[in-house]
């Protein structure tokens, strides 16, 4: 049976000092892959070109030529389902799910799960205990987590396991964050987490005041 991650982000409110859950500020890696595949096939682009155009669209940047203007202004909006609709709706309409999501990372990479929480693939040291023999203990859901995240965690009950969290600063300080794409792939770790998810988290504010909270199901 497969194992999936349920990851959410919070930001410390500078006024109340409480942690607020973050909304759809992230991108779904599978939705982007599906959209990029269509762009490469229809417009004859390589993957890097298609990726750059998609991320410019995600970031609200202006196109730099007529082809990008068409892709960003007409093609992508015509192929992407409305925000908030799921894959079932998108499939029914013959579209691609909106890539915008409130989950920083939703892929299934067991080597990444291993360094985040020792789940499925413990062959690489966990973040916070890289390259030494110390065992890093799971921290669970923080006591001061937002009510929304506590509620979602509670809803999973015994079917949710290996709860943990990291601040963005902890992720930035990780030795894995210093690796390039090829080094991460050699370890079996999805580069998307460090190359796309982490930069999106950084945009939210002070890295000590932004964190991810996550757990897994089987």
C-alpha atoms as a PDB file:
ATOM      1  CA  UNK A   1       0.000   0.000   0.000  1.00  0.00           C
ATOM      2  CA  UNK A   2       1.284   3.452  -0.895  1.00  0.00           C
ATOM      3  CA  UNK A   3       2.139   6.183   1.580  1.00  0.00           C
ATOM      4  CA  UNK A   4       1.172   9.833   1.103  1.00  0.00           C
ATOM      5  CA  UNK A   5       2.200  13.044   2.821  1.00  0.00           C
ATOM      6  CA  UNK A   6      -0.139  15.735   4.121  1.00  0.00           C
ATOM      7  CA  UNK A   7       1.845  18.943   4.409  1.00  0.00           C
ATOM      8  CA  UNK A   8       0.678  22.425   5.338  1.00  0.00           C
ATOM      9  CA  UNK A   9       2.374  25.724   6.110  1.00  0.00           C
ATOM     10  CA  UNK A  10       1.959  28.312   8.817  1.00  0.00           C
ATOM     11  CA  UNK A  11       3.251  31.828   9.386  1.00  0.00           C
ATOM     12  CA  UNK A  12       3.648  33.535  12.751  1.00  0.00           C
ATOM     13  CA  UNK A  13       1.355  36.559  13.012  1.00  0.00           C
ATOM     14  CA  UNK A  14       3.547  39.530  14.048  1.00  0.00           C
ATOM     15  CA  UNK A  15       0.658  41.106  15.966  1.00  0.00           C
ATOM     16  CA  UNK A  16      -0.848  38.156  17.829  1.00  0.00           C
ATOM     17  CA  UNK A  17       2.296  35.966  17.772  1.00  0.00           C
ATOM     18  CA  UNK A  18       0.000  33.056  16.897  1.00  0.00           C
ATOM     19  CA  UNK A  19       0.542  30.797  13.928  1.00  0.00           C
ATOM     20  CA  UNK A  20      -1.814  31.275  10.961  1.00  0.00           C
ATOM     21  CA  UNK A  21      -2.332  28.631   8.303  1.00  0.00           C
ATOM     22  CA  UNK A  22      -1.245  29.580   4.763  1.00  0.00           C
ATOM     23  CA  UNK A  23      -3.647  29.274   1.837  1.00  0.00           C
ATOM     24  CA  UNK A  24      -3.038  28.464  -1.823  1.00  0.00           C
ATOM     25  CA  UNK A  25       0.444  29.933  -2.131  1.00  0.00           C
ATOM     26  CA  UNK A  26       2.087  26.777  -3.472  1.00  0.00           C
ATOM     27  CA  UNK A  27       2.072  24.674  -6.614  1.00  0.00           C
ATOM     28  CA  UNK A  28       1.060  21.073  -7.212  1.00  0.00           C
ATOM     29  CA  UNK A  29       4.020  19.300  -8.822  1.00  0.00           C
ATOM     30  CA  UNK A  30       1.845  16.773 -10.678  1.00  0.00           C
ATOM     31  CA  UNK A  31      -0.467  19.455 -12.072  1.00  0.00           C
ATOM     32  CA  UNK A  32       2.567  21.383 -13.308  1.00  0.00           C
ATOM     33  CA  UNK A  33       4.021  18.215 -14.832  1.00  0.00           C
ATOM     34  CA  UNK A  34       0.763  17.534 -16.707  1.00  0.00           C
ATOM     35  CA  UNK A  35       0.522  21.115 -17.921  1.00  0.00           C
ATOM     36  CA  UNK A  36       4.178  21.202 -18.918  1.00  0.00           C
ATOM     37  CA  UNK A  37       3.769  17.978 -20.866  1.00  0.00           C
ATOM     38  CA  UNK A  38       1.009  19.538 -22.946  1.00  0.00           C
ATOM     39  CA  UNK A  39       3.039  22.689 -23.585  1.00  0.00           C
ATOM     40  CA  UNK A  40       6.106  20.743 -24.727  1.00  0.00           C
ATOM     41  CA  UNK A  41       4.053  18.533 -27.034  1.00  0.00           C
ATOM     42  CA  UNK A  42       1.836  21.238 -28.552  1.00  0.00           C
ATOM     43  CA  UNK A  43       4.374  24.046 -28.876  1.00  0.00           C
ATOM     44  CA  UNK A  44       7.509  21.978 -29.499  1.00  0.00           C
ATOM     45  CA  UNK A  45       9.378  23.350 -26.502  1.00  0.00           C
ATOM     46  CA  UNK A  46      11.831  21.568 -24.272  1.00  0.00           C
ATOM     47  CA  UNK A  47      10.977  20.958 -20.637  1.00  0.00           C
ATOM     48  CA  UNK A  48      13.058  23.866 -19.314  1.00  0.00           C
ATOM     49  CA  UNK A  49      11.360  26.372 -21.621  1.00  0.00           C
ATOM     50  CA  UNK A  50       7.909  25.099 -20.699  1.00  0.00           C
ATOM     51  CA  UNK A  51       8.788  25.189 -16.997  1.00  0.00           C
ATOM     52  CA  UNK A  52       9.989  28.795 -17.187  1.00  0.00           C
ATOM     53  CA  UNK A  53       6.783  29.904 -18.910  1.00  0.00           C
ATOM     54  CA  UNK A  54       4.602  28.072 -16.390  1.00  0.00           C
ATOM     55  CA  UNK A  55       6.405  29.571 -13.413  1.00  0.00           C
ATOM     56  CA  UNK A  56       6.187  33.043 -14.959  1.00  0.00           C
ATOM     57  CA  UNK A  57       2.442  32.482 -15.254  1.00  0.00           C
ATOM     58  CA  UNK A  58       2.262  31.253 -11.654  1.00  0.00           C
ATOM     59  CA  UNK A  59       4.190  34.328 -10.450  1.00  0.00           C
ATOM     60  CA  UNK A  60       2.050  36.714 -12.484  1.00  0.00           C
ATOM     61  CA  UNK A  61       4.918  37.917 -14.653  1.00  0.00           C
ATOM     62  CA  UNK A  62       4.408  39.447 -18.082  1.00  0.00           C
ATOM     63  CA  UNK A  63       5.168  37.441 -21.242  1.00  0.00           C
ATOM     64  CA  UNK A  64       8.206  38.524 -23.227  1.00  0.00           C
ATOM     65  CA  UNK A  65       7.001  37.586 -26.741  1.00  0.00           C
ATOM     66  CA  UNK A  66       3.831  36.763 -28.680  1.00  0.00           C
ATOM     67  CA  UNK A  67       4.138  33.024 -28.200  1.00  0.00           C
ATOM     68  CA  UNK A  68       4.413  33.399 -24.431  1.00  0.00           C
ATOM     69  CA  UNK A  69       1.559  35.892 -24.544  1.00  0.00           C
ATOM     70  CA  UNK A  70      -0.651  33.264 -26.176  1.00  0.00           C
ATOM     71  CA  UNK A  71       0.441  30.438 -23.879  1.00  0.00           C
ATOM     72  CA  UNK A  72       0.136  32.451 -20.668  1.00  0.00           C
ATOM     73  CA  UNK A  73      -2.900  34.489 -21.672  1.00  0.00           C
ATOM     74  CA  UNK A  74      -5.034  31.937 -23.501  1.00  0.00           C
ATOM     75  CA  UNK A  75      -3.704  28.399 -23.581  1.00  0.00           C
ATOM     76  CA  UNK A  76      -2.990  27.864 -19.876  1.00  0.00           C
ATOM     77  CA  UNK A  77      -6.236  29.487 -18.667  1.00  0.00           C
ATOM     78  CA  UNK A  78      -8.182  27.324 -21.132  1.00  0.00           C
ATOM     79  CA  UNK A  79      -6.550  24.110 -19.890  1.00  0.00           C
ATOM     80  CA  UNK A  80      -6.496  24.721 -16.137  1.00  0.00           C
ATOM     81  CA  UNK A  81      -9.564  24.094 -13.996  1.00  0.00           C
ATOM     82  CA  UNK A  82     -10.764  26.798 -11.563  1.00  0.00           C
ATOM     83  CA  UNK A  83      -8.967  27.180  -8.250  1.00  0.00           C
ATOM     84  CA  UNK A  84     -10.405  25.058  -5.491  1.00  0.00           C
ATOM     85  CA  UNK A  85     -11.699  22.349  -7.819  1.00  0.00           C
ATOM     86  CA  UNK A  86     -10.130  18.907  -7.492  1.00  0.00           C
ATOM     87  CA  UNK A  87      -8.859  16.329  -9.933  1.00  0.00           C
ATOM     88  CA  UNK A  88     -12.300  14.714 -10.279  1.00  0.00           C
ATOM     89  CA  UNK A  89     -13.761  17.974 -11.575  1.00  0.00           C
ATOM     90  CA  UNK A  90     -10.777  18.547 -13.859  1.00  0.00           C
ATOM     91  CA  UNK A  91     -10.966  15.038 -15.332  1.00  0.00           C
ATOM     92  CA  UNK A  92     -14.708  15.377 -15.903  1.00  0.00           C
ATOM     93  CA  UNK A  93     -14.123  18.605 -17.817  1.00  0.00           C
ATOM     94  CA  UNK A  94     -11.119  17.265 -19.720  1.00  0.00           C
ATOM     95  CA  UNK A  95      -8.877  19.791 -18.005  1.00  0.00           C
ATOM     96  CA  UNK A  96      -5.868  19.883 -15.680  1.00  0.00           C
ATOM     97  CA  UNK A  97      -6.316  20.611 -11.992  1.00  0.00           C
ATOM     98  CA  UNK A  98      -5.332  24.111 -10.933  1.00  0.00           C
ATOM     99  CA  UNK A  99      -1.683  23.978  -9.842  1.00  0.00           C
ATOM    100  CA  UNK A 100      -2.374  26.332  -6.935  1.00  0.00           C
ATOM    101  CA  UNK A 101      -2.649  24.505  -3.620  1.00  0.00           C
ATOM    102  CA  UNK A 102      -2.373  25.024   0.125  1.00  0.00           C
ATOM    103  CA  UNK A 103      -0.042  22.034   0.413  1.00  0.00           C
ATOM    104  CA  UNK A 104       3.633  22.958  -0.082  1.00  0.00           C
ATOM    105  CA  UNK A 105       4.469  19.447  -1.251  1.00  0.00           C
ATOM    106  CA  UNK A 106       2.113  16.636  -2.200  1.00  0.00           C
ATOM    107  CA  UNK A 107       4.286  14.267  -4.218  1.00  0.00           C
ATOM    108  CA  UNK A 108       5.166  10.707  -3.297  1.00  0.00           C
ATOM    109  CA  UNK A 109       8.929  10.446  -2.857  1.00  0.00           C
ATOM    110  CA  UNK A 110       9.905   7.949  -0.189  1.00  0.00           C
ATOM    111  CA  UNK A 111      13.484   9.211   0.003  1.00  0.00           C
ATOM    112  CA  UNK A 112      12.135  12.696   0.747  1.00  0.00           C
ATOM    113  CA  UNK A 113       9.740  11.201   3.299  1.00  0.00           C
ATOM    114  CA  UNK A 114      12.770   9.556   4.867  1.00  0.00           C
ATOM    115  CA  UNK A 115      14.717  12.761   5.431  1.00  0.00           C
ATOM    116  CA  UNK A 116      11.610  14.573   6.666  1.00  0.00           C
ATOM    117  CA  UNK A 117      10.417  11.965   9.144  1.00  0.00           C
ATOM    118  CA  UNK A 118      12.226   8.649   8.678  1.00  0.00           C
ATOM    119  CA  UNK A 119       9.220   7.278   6.774  1.00  0.00           C
ATOM    120  CA  UNK A 120       9.521   4.442   4.230  1.00  0.00           C
ATOM    121  CA  UNK A 121      13.161   5.089   3.286  1.00  0.00           C
ATOM    122  CA  UNK A 122      15.442   5.736   6.268  1.00  0.00           C
ATOM    123  CA  UNK A 123      18.643   5.234   4.266  1.00  0.00           C
ATOM    124  CA  UNK A 124      19.515   8.957   4.372  1.00  0.00           C
ATOM    125  CA  UNK A 125      19.831  10.873   7.681  1.00  0.00           C
ATOM    126  CA  UNK A 126      16.880  13.001   8.638  1.00  0.00           C
ATOM    127  CA  UNK A 127      17.008  16.785   8.370  1.00  0.00           C
ATOM    128  CA  UNK A 128      18.524  18.000  11.618  1.00  0.00           C
ATOM    129  CA  UNK A 129      20.748  14.944  11.925  1.00  0.00           C
ATOM    130  CA  UNK A 130      22.581  14.882   8.603  1.00  0.00           C
ATOM    131  CA  UNK A 131      25.848  13.060   8.284  1.00  0.00           C
ATOM    132  CA  UNK A 132      26.109  11.955  11.886  1.00  0.00           C
ATOM    133  CA  UNK A 133      24.900   8.984  13.845  1.00  0.00           C
ATOM    134  CA  UNK A 134      22.469  10.803  16.136  1.00  0.00           C
ATOM    135  CA  UNK A 135      18.823   9.890  15.765  1.00  0.00           C
ATOM    136  CA  UNK A 136      16.454  12.794  15.235  1.00  0.00           C
ATOM    137  CA  UNK A 137      13.179  12.342  17.088  1.00  0.00           C
ATOM    138  CA  UNK A 138       9.858  13.271  15.532  1.00  0.00           C
ATOM    139  CA  UNK A 139       8.417  16.399  17.106  1.00  0.00           C
ATOM    140  CA  UNK A 140       4.733  15.766  16.435  1.00  0.00           C
ATOM    141  CA  UNK A 141       2.265  18.577  15.742  1.00  0.00           C
ATOM    142  CA  UNK A 142       3.395  21.686  17.664  1.00  0.00           C
ATOM    143  CA  UNK A 143       1.275  22.673  20.654  1.00  0.00           C
ATOM    144  CA  UNK A 144       0.764  26.147  19.228  1.00  0.00           C
ATOM    145  CA  UNK A 145      -0.329  24.975  15.775  1.00  0.00           C
ATOM    146  CA  UNK A 146      -3.261  26.768  14.186  1.00  0.00           C
ATOM    147  CA  UNK A 147      -6.740  25.339  14.942  1.00  0.00           C
ATOM    148  CA  UNK A 148      -7.176  24.366  11.280  1.00  0.00           C
ATOM    149  CA  UNK A 149      -4.090  22.182  11.210  1.00  0.00           C
ATOM    150  CA  UNK A 150      -4.812  20.659  14.608  1.00  0.00           C
ATOM    151  CA  UNK A 151      -8.284  19.829  13.364  1.00  0.00           C
ATOM    152  CA  UNK A 152      -7.037  18.201  10.158  1.00  0.00           C
ATOM    153  CA  UNK A 153      -4.478  16.191  12.093  1.00  0.00           C
ATOM    154  CA  UNK A 154      -7.108  15.055  14.595  1.00  0.00           C
ATOM    155  CA  UNK A 155      -9.447  14.055  11.761  1.00  0.00           C
ATOM    156  CA  UNK A 156      -6.872  11.540  10.532  1.00  0.00           C
ATOM    157  CA  UNK A 157      -6.791   9.856  13.939  1.00  0.00           C
ATOM    158  CA  UNK A 158      -4.765   6.649  14.017  1.00  0.00           C
ATOM    159  CA  UNK A 159      -4.554   6.631  10.216  1.00  0.00           C
ATOM    160  CA  UNK A 160      -2.153   9.580  10.359  1.00  0.00           C
ATOM    161  CA  UNK A 161       1.358   8.928  11.621  1.00  0.00           C
ATOM    162  CA  UNK A 162       4.896  10.309  11.910  1.00  0.00           C
ATOM    163  CA  UNK A 163       3.853  13.909  12.555  1.00  0.00           C
ATOM    164  CA  UNK A 164       6.682  16.420  12.338  1.00  0.00           C
ATOM    165  CA  UNK A 165       7.490  20.034  11.521  1.00  0.00           C
ATOM    166  CA  UNK A 166      10.360  22.285  10.462  1.00  0.00           C
ATOM    167  CA  UNK A 167      10.818  26.020  10.203  1.00  0.00           C
ATOM    168  CA  UNK A 168      11.958  27.322   6.852  1.00  0.00           C
ATOM    169  CA  UNK A 169      15.231  28.266   8.534  1.00  0.00           C
ATOM    170  CA  UNK A 170      15.817  24.639   9.514  1.00  0.00           C
ATOM    171  CA  UNK A 171      15.217  23.587   5.914  1.00  0.00           C
ATOM    172  CA  UNK A 172      17.562  26.269   4.611  1.00  0.00           C
ATOM    173  CA  UNK A 173      20.268  25.155   7.042  1.00  0.00           C
ATOM    174  CA  UNK A 174      19.935  21.538   5.964  1.00  0.00           C
ATOM    175  CA  UNK A 175      22.866  19.995   4.131  1.00  0.00           C
ATOM    176  CA  UNK A 176      20.382  18.695   1.578  1.00  0.00           C
ATOM    177  CA  UNK A 177      19.563  22.275   0.629  1.00  0.00           C
ATOM    178  CA  UNK A 178      23.210  22.749  -0.340  1.00  0.00           C
ATOM    179  CA  UNK A 179      23.030  19.914  -2.885  1.00  0.00           C
ATOM    180  CA  UNK A 180      22.355  20.452  -6.576  1.00  0.00           C
ATOM    181  CA  UNK A 181      19.666  18.657  -8.556  1.00  0.00           C
ATOM    182  CA  UNK A 182      21.910  15.780  -9.584  1.00  0.00           C
ATOM    183  CA  UNK A 183      23.146  15.155  -6.033  1.00  0.00           C
ATOM    184  CA  UNK A 184      19.589  15.049  -4.707  1.00  0.00           C
ATOM    185  CA  UNK A 185      18.504  12.690  -7.479  1.00  0.00           C
ATOM    186  CA  UNK A 186      21.437  10.390  -6.702  1.00  0.00           C
ATOM    187  CA  UNK A 187      20.004  10.048  -3.181  1.00  0.00           C
ATOM    188  CA  UNK A 188      16.538   9.482  -4.635  1.00  0.00           C
ATOM    189  CA  UNK A 189      15.247  12.803  -3.274  1.00  0.00           C
ATOM    190  CA  UNK A 190      12.778  14.793  -5.361  1.00  0.00           C
ATOM    191  CA  UNK A 191      14.584  18.075  -6.220  1.00  0.00           C
ATOM    192  CA  UNK A 192      11.197  19.801  -6.499  1.00  0.00           C
ATOM    193  CA  UNK A 193      11.020  20.133  -2.719  1.00  0.00           C
ATOM    194  CA  UNK A 194      14.267  22.087  -2.396  1.00  0.00           C
ATOM    195  CA  UNK A 195      14.199  23.844  -5.782  1.00  0.00           C
ATOM    196  CA  UNK A 196      10.533  24.907  -5.901  1.00  0.00           C
ATOM    197  CA  UNK A 197       8.736  24.304  -2.595  1.00  0.00           C
ATOM    198  CA  UNK A 198      11.416  25.853  -0.400  1.00  0.00           C
ATOM    199  CA  UNK A 199      11.724  29.062  -2.476  1.00  0.00           C
ATOM    200  CA  UNK A 200       7.937  29.417  -2.346  1.00  0.00           C
ATOM    201  CA  UNK A 201       8.084  29.105   1.427  1.00  0.00           C
ATOM    202  CA  UNK A 202      10.868  31.691   1.587  1.00  0.00           C
ATOM    203  CA  UNK A 203       8.650  34.254  -0.141  1.00  0.00           C
ATOM    204  CA  UNK A 204       6.222  34.145   2.791  1.00  0.00           C
ATOM    205  CA  UNK A 205       8.449  35.959   5.262  1.00  0.00           C
ATOM    206  CA  UNK A 206      11.152  35.558   7.883  1.00  0.00           C
ATOM    207  CA  UNK A 207      12.349  31.931   7.700  1.00  0.00           C
ATOM    208  CA  UNK A 208      12.072  31.625  11.486  1.00  0.00           C
ATOM    209  CA  UNK A 209       8.420  32.661  11.277  1.00  0.00           C
ATOM    210  CA  UNK A 210       7.315  30.240   8.565  1.00  0.00           C
ATOM    211  CA  UNK A 211       7.096  26.498   9.060  1.00  0.00           C
ATOM    212  CA  UNK A 212       5.751  23.302   7.528  1.00  0.00           C
ATOM    213  CA  UNK A 213       3.741  20.764   9.510  1.00  0.00           C
ATOM    214  CA  UNK A 214       3.119  17.326   8.051  1.00  0.00           C
ATOM    215  CA  UNK A 215       2.117  13.728   8.644  1.00  0.00           C
ATOM    216  CA  UNK A 216       1.613  10.609   6.568  1.00  0.00           C
ATOM    217  CA  UNK A 217      -1.009   7.991   5.820  1.00  0.00           C
ATOM    218  CA  UNK A 218      -0.747   4.481   4.412  1.00  0.00           C
END
